[in-house]
Amino acid sequence: MSIHLVNVEHITHTCPGNPEPHVFDTRRTLVHTTPGGPCRTPVDIGEGCVIDCGRILPAHRQCPACRSVVVERTITTRHHGDTTAYPQGRDA
C-alpha cells in the first residue's frame, strides 16, 4: 500500500455575491510518499505484455501493494478578507 502524506491549505474570502467566508482555493502539498512495493498480482493485457494491476484495475480490485492511501497531515485555513476592498480591473 502506497501512503501519500499531504498538507492541505484552504484559502477563503468574502465577496459581494456571498458575504459568508467561503473557500476559493485549495492547495495540497505532497510531503512524503511511502511506496507499496512491487505489484503482487500483475495483469496480462495480451501478447505477453504484463502491467501492474494498479494501472488498469479499479481500486477495490487492486493488490495491497498497488492501492494508494492519502493521509492529510495538516489542514489549515487562511482568510484573505473582503474582496470588495480591492479594485477590480485596470480602470478601478
N, C-alpha and C. Protein backbone atom coordinates (compact mmCIF):
# COMPACT_ATOMS: atom_id res chain seq x y z
N MET A 1 0.84 -1.16 0.00
CA MET A 1 0.00 0.00 0.00
C MET A 1 0.89 1.23 0.00
N SER A 2 0.74 2.08 -1.01
CA SER A 2 1.47 3.33 -1.06
C SER A 2 0.75 4.35 -0.19
N ILE A 3 1.49 5.02 0.65
CA ILE A 3 0.91 6.03 1.54
C ILE A 3 1.47 7.38 1.15
N HIS A 4 0.56 8.33 0.86
CA HIS A 4 0.95 9.68 0.48
C HIS A 4 0.53 10.63 1.61
N LEU A 5 1.48 11.34 2.17
CA LEU A 5 1.23 12.28 3.26
C LEU A 5 1.17 13.68 2.67
N VAL A 6 0.05 14.40 2.89
CA VAL A 6 -0.13 15.73 2.30
C VAL A 6 -0.53 16.76 3.35
N ASN A 7 -0.17 18.00 3.07
CA ASN A 7 -0.66 19.16 3.83
C ASN A 7 -1.72 19.84 2.97
N VAL A 8 -2.84 20.22 3.56
CA VAL A 8 -3.94 20.85 2.83
C VAL A 8 -4.12 22.27 3.37
N GLU A 9 -4.22 23.23 2.42
CA GLU A 9 -4.46 24.62 2.81
C GLU A 9 -5.69 25.13 2.06
N HIS A 10 -6.71 25.56 2.81
CA HIS A 10 -7.91 26.15 2.22
C HIS A 10 -7.77 27.66 2.35
N ILE A 11 -7.95 28.38 1.23
CA ILE A 11 -7.88 29.83 1.25
C ILE A 11 -9.29 30.35 1.04
N THR A 12 -9.75 31.19 1.97
CA THR A 12 -11.12 31.69 1.94
C THR A 12 -11.14 33.20 1.74
N HIS A 13 -12.31 33.71 1.33
CA HIS A 13 -12.54 35.15 1.24
C HIS A 13 -14.04 35.40 1.34
N THR A 14 -14.40 36.67 1.38
CA THR A 14 -15.80 37.06 1.29
C THR A 14 -15.93 37.96 0.07
N CYS A 15 -17.10 37.98 -0.53
CA CYS A 15 -17.32 38.80 -1.71
C CYS A 15 -18.77 39.28 -1.71
N PRO A 16 -19.11 40.25 -2.57
CA PRO A 16 -20.49 40.77 -2.58
C PRO A 16 -21.53 39.69 -2.86
N GLY A 17 -21.20 38.71 -3.67
CA GLY A 17 -22.16 37.66 -4.01
C GLY A 17 -22.40 36.69 -2.87
N ASN A 18 -21.45 36.56 -1.99
CA ASN A 18 -21.57 35.63 -0.86
C ASN A 18 -20.79 36.21 0.32
N PRO A 19 -21.47 36.94 1.23
CA PRO A 19 -20.78 37.61 2.33
C PRO A 19 -20.21 36.66 3.39
N GLU A 20 -20.61 35.39 3.35
CA GLU A 20 -20.04 34.42 4.29
C GLU A 20 -18.67 33.99 3.78
N PRO A 21 -17.68 33.80 4.67
CA PRO A 21 -16.38 33.30 4.21
C PRO A 21 -16.55 31.95 3.52
N HIS A 22 -15.94 31.82 2.34
CA HIS A 22 -16.03 30.57 1.59
C HIS A 22 -14.69 30.28 0.90
N VAL A 23 -14.45 29.01 0.66
CA VAL A 23 -13.19 28.58 0.06
C VAL A 23 -13.19 28.92 -1.42
N PHE A 24 -12.10 29.57 -1.89
CA PHE A 24 -11.97 29.81 -3.32
C PHE A 24 -10.71 29.15 -3.89
N ASP A 25 -9.87 28.60 -3.02
CA ASP A 25 -8.67 27.92 -3.49
C ASP A 25 -8.27 26.87 -2.46
N THR A 26 -7.94 25.69 -2.93
CA THR A 26 -7.45 24.62 -2.07
C THR A 26 -6.12 24.15 -2.63
N ARG A 27 -5.10 24.12 -1.77
CA ARG A 27 -3.77 23.69 -2.20
C ARG A 27 -3.35 22.48 -1.39
N ARG A 28 -2.83 21.49 -2.09
CA ARG A 28 -2.33 20.28 -1.44
C ARG A 28 -0.85 20.15 -1.75
N THR A 29 -0.05 19.95 -0.70
CA THR A 29 1.39 19.80 -0.85
C THR A 29 1.77 18.40 -0.43
N LEU A 30 2.39 17.67 -1.34
CA LEU A 30 2.86 16.32 -1.04
C LEU A 30 4.10 16.42 -0.16
N VAL A 31 4.03 15.84 1.03
CA VAL A 31 5.12 15.93 2.00
C VAL A 31 6.00 14.68 1.95
N HIS A 32 5.38 13.52 1.85
CA HIS A 32 6.14 12.27 1.88
C HIS A 32 5.36 11.16 1.20
N THR A 33 6.07 10.24 0.56
CA THR A 33 5.45 9.06 -0.04
C THR A 33 6.18 7.82 0.41
N THR A 34 5.42 6.86 0.91
CA THR A 34 5.96 5.55 1.27
C THR A 34 5.48 4.57 0.21
N PRO A 35 6.38 4.08 -0.65
CA PRO A 35 5.95 3.18 -1.73
C PRO A 35 5.46 1.84 -1.20
N GLY A 36 4.52 1.26 -1.93
CA GLY A 36 3.94 -0.01 -1.51
C GLY A 36 4.73 -1.23 -1.95
N GLY A 37 5.68 -1.04 -2.85
CA GLY A 37 6.47 -2.16 -3.34
C GLY A 37 5.96 -2.66 -4.68
N PRO A 38 6.52 -3.75 -5.17
CA PRO A 38 6.13 -4.27 -6.47
C PRO A 38 4.72 -4.88 -6.45
N CYS A 39 4.08 -4.87 -7.60
CA CYS A 39 2.73 -5.43 -7.74
C CYS A 39 2.76 -6.93 -7.42
N ARG A 40 1.75 -7.37 -6.69
CA ARG A 40 1.66 -8.79 -6.30
C ARG A 40 0.76 -9.59 -7.24
N THR A 41 -0.08 -8.89 -8.03
CA THR A 41 -0.97 -9.59 -8.97
C THR A 41 -0.98 -8.86 -10.31
N PRO A 42 0.13 -8.91 -11.07
CA PRO A 42 0.17 -8.22 -12.35
C PRO A 42 -0.87 -8.78 -13.32
N VAL A 43 -1.29 -7.94 -14.26
CA VAL A 43 -2.35 -8.30 -15.20
C VAL A 43 -1.75 -8.46 -16.60
N ASP A 44 -2.07 -9.59 -17.26
CA ASP A 44 -1.63 -9.83 -18.62
C ASP A 44 -2.64 -9.17 -19.56
N ILE A 45 -2.17 -8.21 -20.36
CA ILE A 45 -3.08 -7.48 -21.26
C ILE A 45 -2.95 -7.97 -22.70
N GLY A 46 -2.30 -9.09 -22.88
CA GLY A 46 -2.21 -9.68 -24.21
C GLY A 46 -0.84 -9.59 -24.82
N GLU A 47 -0.53 -10.52 -25.70
CA GLU A 47 0.73 -10.58 -26.43
C GLU A 47 1.93 -10.56 -25.48
N GLY A 48 1.79 -11.18 -24.32
CA GLY A 48 2.89 -11.30 -23.38
C GLY A 48 3.21 -10.02 -22.62
N CYS A 49 2.37 -9.00 -22.73
CA CYS A 49 2.59 -7.73 -22.03
C CYS A 49 1.89 -7.79 -20.68
N VAL A 50 2.66 -7.57 -19.62
CA VAL A 50 2.13 -7.62 -18.25
C VAL A 50 2.35 -6.27 -17.60
N ILE A 51 1.29 -5.72 -16.98
CA ILE A 51 1.40 -4.43 -16.28
C ILE A 51 0.89 -4.58 -14.85
N ASP A 52 1.26 -3.61 -14.01
CA ASP A 52 0.80 -3.61 -12.61
C ASP A 52 -0.72 -3.46 -12.57
N CYS A 53 -1.35 -4.15 -11.63
CA CYS A 53 -2.81 -4.09 -11.52
C CYS A 53 -3.28 -2.68 -11.18
N GLY A 54 -2.44 -1.88 -10.51
CA GLY A 54 -2.80 -0.52 -10.15
C GLY A 54 -2.97 0.41 -11.33
N ARG A 55 -2.45 0.01 -12.50
CA ARG A 55 -2.57 0.85 -13.69
C ARG A 55 -3.85 0.60 -14.47
N ILE A 56 -4.52 -0.52 -14.22
CA ILE A 56 -5.66 -0.87 -15.05
C ILE A 56 -6.93 -1.23 -14.26
N LEU A 57 -6.78 -1.72 -13.05
CA LEU A 57 -7.95 -2.17 -12.28
C LEU A 57 -8.47 -1.06 -11.37
N PRO A 58 -9.79 -1.10 -11.07
CA PRO A 58 -10.32 -0.14 -10.09
C PRO A 58 -9.74 -0.42 -8.70
N ALA A 59 -9.79 0.57 -7.84
CA ALA A 59 -9.13 0.50 -6.52
C ALA A 59 -9.55 -0.72 -5.72
N HIS A 60 -10.81 -1.09 -5.76
CA HIS A 60 -11.27 -2.22 -4.93
C HIS A 60 -10.73 -3.56 -5.42
N ARG A 61 -10.18 -3.63 -6.63
CA ARG A 61 -9.64 -4.88 -7.15
C ARG A 61 -8.11 -4.89 -7.20
N GLN A 62 -7.46 -3.81 -6.78
CA GLN A 62 -6.01 -3.74 -6.79
C GLN A 62 -5.41 -4.51 -5.63
N CYS A 63 -4.19 -5.00 -5.84
CA CYS A 63 -3.49 -5.70 -4.76
C CYS A 63 -3.08 -4.68 -3.70
N PRO A 64 -2.75 -5.12 -2.48
CA PRO A 64 -2.37 -4.18 -1.42
C PRO A 64 -1.16 -3.31 -1.78
N ALA A 65 -0.25 -3.82 -2.58
CA ALA A 65 0.94 -3.04 -2.94
C ALA A 65 0.60 -1.89 -3.88
N CYS A 66 -0.38 -2.06 -4.74
CA CYS A 66 -0.74 -1.03 -5.72
C CYS A 66 -1.75 -0.01 -5.18
N ARG A 67 -2.49 -0.37 -4.16
CA ARG A 67 -3.51 0.52 -3.61
C ARG A 67 -2.86 1.73 -2.97
N SER A 68 -3.46 2.90 -3.15
CA SER A 68 -2.93 4.14 -2.59
C SER A 68 -3.83 4.68 -1.49
N VAL A 69 -3.20 5.24 -0.46
CA VAL A 69 -3.93 5.88 0.62
C VAL A 69 -3.34 7.29 0.79
N VAL A 70 -4.22 8.29 0.87
CA VAL A 70 -3.78 9.66 1.09
C VAL A 70 -4.12 10.04 2.52
N VAL A 71 -3.10 10.48 3.28
CA VAL A 71 -3.28 10.89 4.67
C VAL A 71 -3.04 12.39 4.75
N GLU A 72 -4.01 13.13 5.26
CA GLU A 72 -3.85 14.57 5.41
C GLU A 72 -3.16 14.85 6.73
N ARG A 73 -1.92 15.36 6.65
CA ARG A 73 -1.14 15.62 7.85
C ARG A 73 -1.64 16.85 8.58
N THR A 74 -1.80 17.94 7.85
CA THR A 74 -2.34 19.17 8.44
C THR A 74 -3.38 19.75 7.50
N ILE A 75 -4.38 20.40 8.07
CA ILE A 75 -5.39 21.11 7.30
C ILE A 75 -5.46 22.51 7.90
N THR A 76 -5.11 23.52 7.09
CA THR A 76 -5.13 24.89 7.58
C THR A 76 -6.07 25.72 6.72
N THR A 77 -6.60 26.79 7.31
CA THR A 77 -7.47 27.72 6.60
C THR A 77 -6.89 29.11 6.75
N ARG A 78 -6.72 29.79 5.62
CA ARG A 78 -6.20 31.16 5.62
C ARG A 78 -7.26 32.05 4.99
N HIS A 79 -7.61 33.15 5.67
CA HIS A 79 -8.65 34.05 5.19
C HIS A 79 -8.03 35.28 4.56
N HIS A 80 -8.40 35.57 3.30
CA HIS A 80 -7.87 36.73 2.58
C HIS A 80 -8.63 38.00 2.88
N GLY A 81 -9.81 37.91 3.41
CA GLY A 81 -10.59 39.09 3.73
C GLY A 81 -11.66 39.37 2.69
N ASP A 82 -12.10 40.62 2.68
CA ASP A 82 -13.19 41.05 1.81
C ASP A 82 -12.62 41.47 0.46
N THR A 83 -13.09 40.85 -0.63
CA THR A 83 -12.57 41.18 -1.96
C THR A 83 -13.07 42.52 -2.47
N THR A 84 -14.12 43.09 -1.87
CA THR A 84 -14.60 44.40 -2.31
C THR A 84 -13.65 45.50 -1.89
N ALA A 85 -12.71 45.22 -1.02
CA ALA A 85 -11.74 46.22 -0.59
C ALA A 85 -10.65 46.45 -1.64
N TYR A 86 -10.57 45.58 -2.65
CA TYR A 86 -9.54 45.68 -3.68
C TYR A 86 -10.16 46.10 -5.00
N PRO A 87 -9.51 47.00 -5.75
CA PRO A 87 -10.06 47.40 -7.03
C PRO A 87 -10.08 46.24 -8.03
N GLN A 88 -11.11 46.22 -8.85
CA GLN A 88 -11.26 45.18 -9.88
C GLN A 88 -10.84 45.75 -11.24
N GLY A 89 -9.91 45.11 -11.91
CA GLY A 89 -9.50 45.52 -13.24
C GLY A 89 -8.54 46.70 -13.23
N ARG A 90 -8.16 47.14 -14.44
CA ARG A 90 -7.17 48.21 -14.56
C ARG A 90 -7.77 49.59 -14.35
N ASP A 91 -9.04 49.78 -14.67
CA ASP A 91 -9.65 51.12 -14.64
C ASP A 91 -10.18 51.51 -13.28
N ALA A 92 -10.11 50.64 -12.30
CA ALA A 92 -10.68 50.95 -10.98
C ALA A 92 -9.77 51.86 -10.19
